[in-house]
Protein backbone atom coordinates (compact mmCIF):
# COMPACT_ATOMS: atom_id res chain seq x y z
CA MET A 1 -21.16 -78.97 11.19
CA VAL A 2 -19.92 -79.62 7.65
CA LEU A 3 -16.20 -80.39 7.51
CA PRO A 4 -13.88 -80.10 4.52
CA SER A 5 -13.30 -83.46 2.91
CA SER A 6 -9.54 -83.46 3.44
CA PHE A 7 -9.63 -84.18 7.19
CA GLU A 8 -11.81 -85.51 9.98
CA LEU A 9 -12.10 -84.82 13.70
CA ALA A 10 -11.88 -87.53 16.35
CA ALA A 11 -11.23 -87.88 20.06
CA ALA A 12 -7.51 -87.92 20.86
CA GLU A 13 -6.21 -90.98 22.70
CA ARG A 14 -3.31 -91.57 25.08
CA LYS A 15 -1.34 -93.20 22.27
CA ASP A 16 -1.48 -89.82 20.48
CA ILE A 17 0.31 -87.97 23.29
CA PRO A 18 3.81 -87.96 21.68
CA THR A 19 2.39 -86.52 18.47
CA LEU A 20 0.26 -83.97 20.30
CA ALA A 21 3.33 -82.83 22.25
CA ARG A 22 5.47 -82.54 19.12
CA ILE A 23 2.83 -80.46 17.30
CA HIS A 24 2.45 -78.22 20.35
CA VAL A 25 6.17 -77.47 20.37
CA VAL A 26 6.77 -77.00 16.64
CA ALA A 27 3.73 -74.73 16.37
CA CYS A 28 4.94 -72.58 19.29
CA LEU A 29 8.67 -72.24 18.64
CA PRO A 30 8.39 -69.50 15.96
CA ASP A 31 6.61 -67.40 18.62
CA ASN A 32 9.15 -65.19 20.44
CA ALA A 33 7.40 -65.44 23.80
CA PHE A 34 7.05 -69.21 23.82
CA ALA A 35 10.65 -69.55 22.68
CA LEU A 36 11.60 -67.93 26.01
CA PHE A 37 9.50 -70.26 28.14
CA PHE A 38 11.99 -73.13 28.16
CA ALA A 39 15.72 -73.40 27.58
CA THR A 40 15.43 -76.06 24.86
CA ALA A 41 12.77 -77.55 22.61
CA ALA A 42 13.39 -80.93 24.28
CA GLU A 43 12.57 -79.50 27.71
CA PHE A 44 9.46 -77.83 26.27
CA GLU A 45 8.31 -81.14 24.75
CA ASP A 46 8.94 -83.02 28.00
CA ARG A 47 6.78 -80.54 29.91
CA VAL A 48 3.97 -80.78 27.35
CA THR A 49 4.13 -84.59 27.43
CA ALA A 50 3.88 -84.65 31.22
CA MET A 51 0.94 -82.25 31.09
CA LEU A 52 -0.91 -84.34 28.50
CA LYS A 53 -0.36 -87.53 30.49
CA ARG A 54 -2.26 -85.89 33.35
CA GLN A 55 -5.00 -84.56 31.11
CA VAL A 56 -5.88 -87.15 28.46
CA GLY A 57 -8.46 -89.53 29.89
CA ASP A 58 -9.49 -87.20 32.72
CA PRO A 59 -13.29 -86.77 32.36
CA THR A 60 -13.07 -82.99 32.83
CA TRP A 61 -10.79 -82.70 29.78
CA HIS A 62 -11.75 -83.03 26.12
CA HIS A 63 -8.98 -83.48 23.52
CA VAL A 64 -9.85 -83.56 19.82
CA LYS A 65 -7.52 -84.26 16.91
CA ALA A 66 -7.75 -83.44 13.20
CA VAL A 67 -6.54 -86.29 11.00
CA ASP A 68 -5.62 -85.88 7.33
CA LYS A 69 -7.77 -88.34 5.40
CA ASN A 70 -5.27 -88.90 2.61
CA THR A 71 -2.31 -89.81 4.82
CA GLY A 72 -3.85 -90.70 8.18
CA ILE A 73 -1.50 -88.17 9.79
CA LEU A 74 -2.57 -86.44 13.00
CA ALA A 75 -2.16 -82.83 11.90
CA ALA A 76 -3.82 -80.61 14.51
CA TRP A 77 -5.45 -80.75 17.92
CA ALA A 78 -7.27 -78.74 20.54
CA SER A 79 -8.33 -79.21 24.14
CA TRP A 80 -11.00 -77.89 26.48
CA ASN A 81 -11.37 -78.20 30.22
CA THR A 82 -14.78 -78.14 31.94
CA PRO A 83 -14.17 -77.99 35.70
CA THR A 84 -16.65 -79.72 37.96
CA ASP A 85 -18.65 -77.80 40.55
CA ASP A 86 -16.41 -79.17 43.30
CA GLN A 87 -13.25 -78.16 41.44
CA ILE A 88 -14.53 -74.62 40.98
CA ARG A 89 -15.51 -74.36 44.64
CA GLU A 90 -12.10 -75.66 45.72
CA ARG A 91 -10.28 -73.22 43.46
CA ASP A 92 -12.41 -70.30 44.61
CA ALA A 93 -11.78 -71.15 48.25
CA LYS A 94 -8.02 -71.20 47.68
CA ALA A 95 -8.15 -67.91 45.78
CA ALA A 96 -10.09 -66.28 48.61
CA ALA A 97 -7.48 -67.43 51.14
CA LYS A 98 -4.40 -66.30 49.21
CA GLU A 99 -3.20 -65.43 45.75
CA MET A 100 -2.24 -68.48 43.78
CA ASN A 101 1.55 -68.47 43.50
CA ALA A 102 2.67 -72.06 44.03
CA ALA A 103 2.40 -75.23 41.99
CA LYS A 104 -0.02 -76.84 44.43
CA ASP A 105 -2.46 -73.99 43.85
CA ARG A 106 -2.54 -74.37 40.09
CA ALA A 107 -5.37 -76.13 38.28
CA LYS A 108 -4.85 -79.83 37.65
CA GLY A 109 -3.24 -80.59 34.34
CA ASP A 110 -1.51 -77.25 33.77
CA PHE A 111 2.22 -76.80 33.37
CA ASP A 112 4.41 -76.70 36.44
CA PHE A 113 5.94 -73.53 35.03
CA PRO A 114 9.53 -72.60 35.93
CA PRO A 115 10.21 -69.17 37.46
CA GLY A 116 10.50 -66.25 35.10
CA LEU A 117 8.33 -65.26 32.16
CA PRO A 118 6.22 -68.47 32.07
CA GLN A 119 5.26 -68.22 35.73
CA TYR A 120 4.60 -64.48 35.45
CA VAL A 121 2.18 -65.00 32.55
CA GLN A 122 0.49 -68.02 34.13
CA GLU A 123 -0.12 -66.27 37.43
CA ASP A 124 -1.68 -63.26 35.70
CA THR A 125 -3.87 -65.59 33.64
CA ASP A 126 -4.92 -67.48 36.76
CA ARG A 127 -5.89 -64.25 38.54
CA TRP A 128 -8.02 -63.18 35.58
CA LEU A 129 -9.75 -66.54 35.37
CA GLU A 130 -10.44 -66.57 39.12
CA ARG A 131 -12.12 -63.17 38.93
CA SER A 132 -14.03 -63.94 35.74
CA THR A 133 -15.27 -67.45 36.57
CA ARG A 134 -15.73 -67.31 40.35
CA GLY A 135 -18.71 -69.48 41.25
CA LYS A 136 -19.65 -69.99 37.60
CA ARG A 137 -19.72 -73.06 35.42
CA HIS A 138 -17.58 -72.57 32.36
CA MET A 139 -15.27 -74.10 29.76
CA LEU A 140 -11.63 -73.26 29.16
CA CYS A 141 -10.09 -73.56 25.72
CA LYS A 142 -6.59 -74.63 26.69
CA ALA A 143 -4.90 -75.54 23.42
CA LEU A 144 -5.17 -75.20 19.64
CA PHE A 145 -2.19 -76.22 17.52
CA THR A 146 -1.69 -77.22 13.89
CA ASP A 147 1.42 -78.88 12.50
CA PRO A 148 3.01 -76.23 10.21
CA PRO A 149 2.78 -78.32 6.99
CA PHE A 150 -0.99 -78.59 7.51
CA GLN A 151 -1.71 -74.98 8.44
CA ARG A 152 -4.20 -72.91 6.43
CA GLN A 153 -6.27 -75.97 5.51
CA GLY A 154 -9.22 -75.21 7.79
CA MET A 155 -8.33 -77.56 10.64
CA GLY A 156 -7.98 -74.80 13.24
CA ASN A 157 -11.31 -73.30 12.23
CA ALA A 158 -13.02 -76.68 12.46
CA LEU A 159 -11.59 -77.33 15.93
CA VAL A 160 -12.71 -73.93 17.22
CA GLN A 161 -16.18 -74.54 15.79
CA TYR A 162 -16.26 -77.95 17.46
CA GLY A 163 -15.52 -76.42 20.85
CA ASN A 164 -18.06 -73.66 20.34
CA GLN A 165 -20.74 -76.17 19.43
CA ARG A 166 -19.97 -78.20 22.54
CA ALA A 167 -20.18 -75.08 24.70
CA ASP A 168 -23.52 -74.15 23.12
CA GLU A 169 -24.90 -77.61 23.85
CA LEU A 170 -23.83 -77.25 27.48
CA GLY A 171 -24.89 -73.61 27.71
CA LEU A 172 -21.44 -72.59 28.95
CA PRO A 173 -19.16 -69.63 28.24
CA ILE A 174 -15.63 -70.35 26.98
CA PHE A 175 -12.62 -68.46 28.36
CA LEU A 176 -9.12 -68.48 26.88
CA GLN A 177 -5.79 -66.72 26.65
CA GLY A 178 -4.92 -65.80 23.06
CA SER A 179 -1.44 -65.09 21.71
CA PRO A 180 -0.84 -62.47 18.97
CA PHE A 181 -0.72 -65.34 16.49
CA GLY A 182 -3.74 -67.22 17.82
CA TYR A 183 -6.30 -64.63 18.81
CA PRO A 184 -7.55 -63.70 15.28
CA ILE A 185 -9.08 -67.14 14.75
CA TYR A 186 -10.97 -66.86 18.03
CA LYS A 187 -12.18 -63.35 17.20
CA LYS A 188 -13.41 -64.69 13.87
CA HIS A 189 -15.54 -67.25 15.73
CA GLY A 190 -17.24 -64.93 18.18
CA PHE A 191 -14.76 -64.45 21.03
CA GLU A 192 -14.46 -60.98 22.55
CA ILE A 193 -11.34 -59.46 24.13
CA LEU A 194 -11.92 -58.64 27.79
CA GLN A 195 -8.42 -57.79 29.00
CA TYR A 196 -4.80 -57.53 27.90
CA LEU A 197 -1.46 -58.47 29.38
CA ASP A 198 1.39 -56.51 27.77
CA VAL A 199 4.88 -57.94 28.28
CA ASP A 200 8.13 -56.32 27.17
CA LEU A 201 10.06 -59.41 26.07
CA ARG A 202 13.34 -57.46 26.19
CA GLU A 203 13.08 -57.69 29.98
CA TRP A 204 13.07 -61.49 29.78
CA ALA A 205 15.27 -62.32 26.78
CA PRO A 206 18.97 -62.85 27.57
CA ASN A 207 21.16 -59.84 26.69
CA ALA A 208 18.33 -58.02 24.92
CA GLU A 209 18.27 -54.89 27.10
CA ASN A 210 20.36 -52.75 24.72
CA ASN A 211 19.66 -54.64 21.51
CA ASP A 212 16.12 -55.91 21.20
CA LYS A 213 17.16 -58.85 18.95
CA GLY A 214 13.69 -58.82 17.46
CA TYR A 215 11.98 -58.77 20.86
CA GLY A 216 9.57 -56.06 21.94
CA ASN A 217 6.07 -55.68 23.32
CA TYR A 218 4.02 -58.89 23.30
CA ARG A 219 0.29 -58.74 23.99
CA PHE A 220 -1.66 -61.65 25.46
CA ARG A 221 -5.42 -61.31 25.05
CA TYR A 222 -7.89 -62.71 27.55
CA MET A 223 -11.02 -63.65 25.64
CA LEU A 224 -14.59 -64.84 26.19
CA ARG A 225 -17.32 -66.35 24.04
CA LEU A 226 -20.84 -66.57 25.43
CA PRO A 227 -22.98 -69.57 24.47
CA LEU A 228 -25.81 -69.17 22.00
CA THR A 229 -28.06 -70.98 24.49
CA LEU A 230 -27.78 -69.96 28.14
CA LEU A 231 -28.53 -72.14 31.14
CA PRO A 232 -31.35 -70.96 33.40
CA LYS A 233 -30.09 -68.33 35.85
CA ASP A 234 -30.66 -70.50 38.89
CA THR A 235 -28.27 -73.17 37.60
CA SER A 236 -25.43 -70.94 36.33
CA THR A 237 -23.89 -70.38 39.76
CA PHE A 238 -23.56 -72.41 42.90
CA PRO A 239 -25.55 -71.91 46.07
CA GLY A 240 -23.75 -69.44 48.31
CA ALA A 241 -21.37 -68.29 45.55
């Protein structure tokens, strides 16, 4: 993969966590839905930091950063999760026993979402992933964020291409949840929309019932990209799945 000369990709490290968390928050805050997830930006950043501390260094997670060559500034990042066979079996067994609706049932490394809109969205996403990936090896694209001053410089495209190339090498499909702002870049790189979740944000925004205050319908898109090279059929699912 040929990268533009202005930046380079590298593995993110634990020392990068504060910067990764800050970029996550500043990239999300202009989004009406994410602005409703947490009461303050500080709380949002604390939650992201705690999540990253659980993820970075875990062998099932892959975090990649884009660094501006001229300044050395970490300007964008993305992450992918590739659950192990045992993790998928454990998740599937829990899903078969009951619908996931408590923190202990959520996948390792995800937010411990507070009640309300965040939990509602996460539980719907979890149900879709359980149905779509039951007994199947797969990758999850969990994050893609660019610091606003560095947007529209090709970093997001390069990170998506990096993840796609990794999935092709492993012969795995990639699943993700795309926001209205984020899904076009995934569509551009071969992801297909499988399902929607429509949320009327007026039902969740304080005092917005009679005056929408800029809130309205918000559509999450559940997306899939198949690998260019598929694993043999007899290795794509687990025995007894």
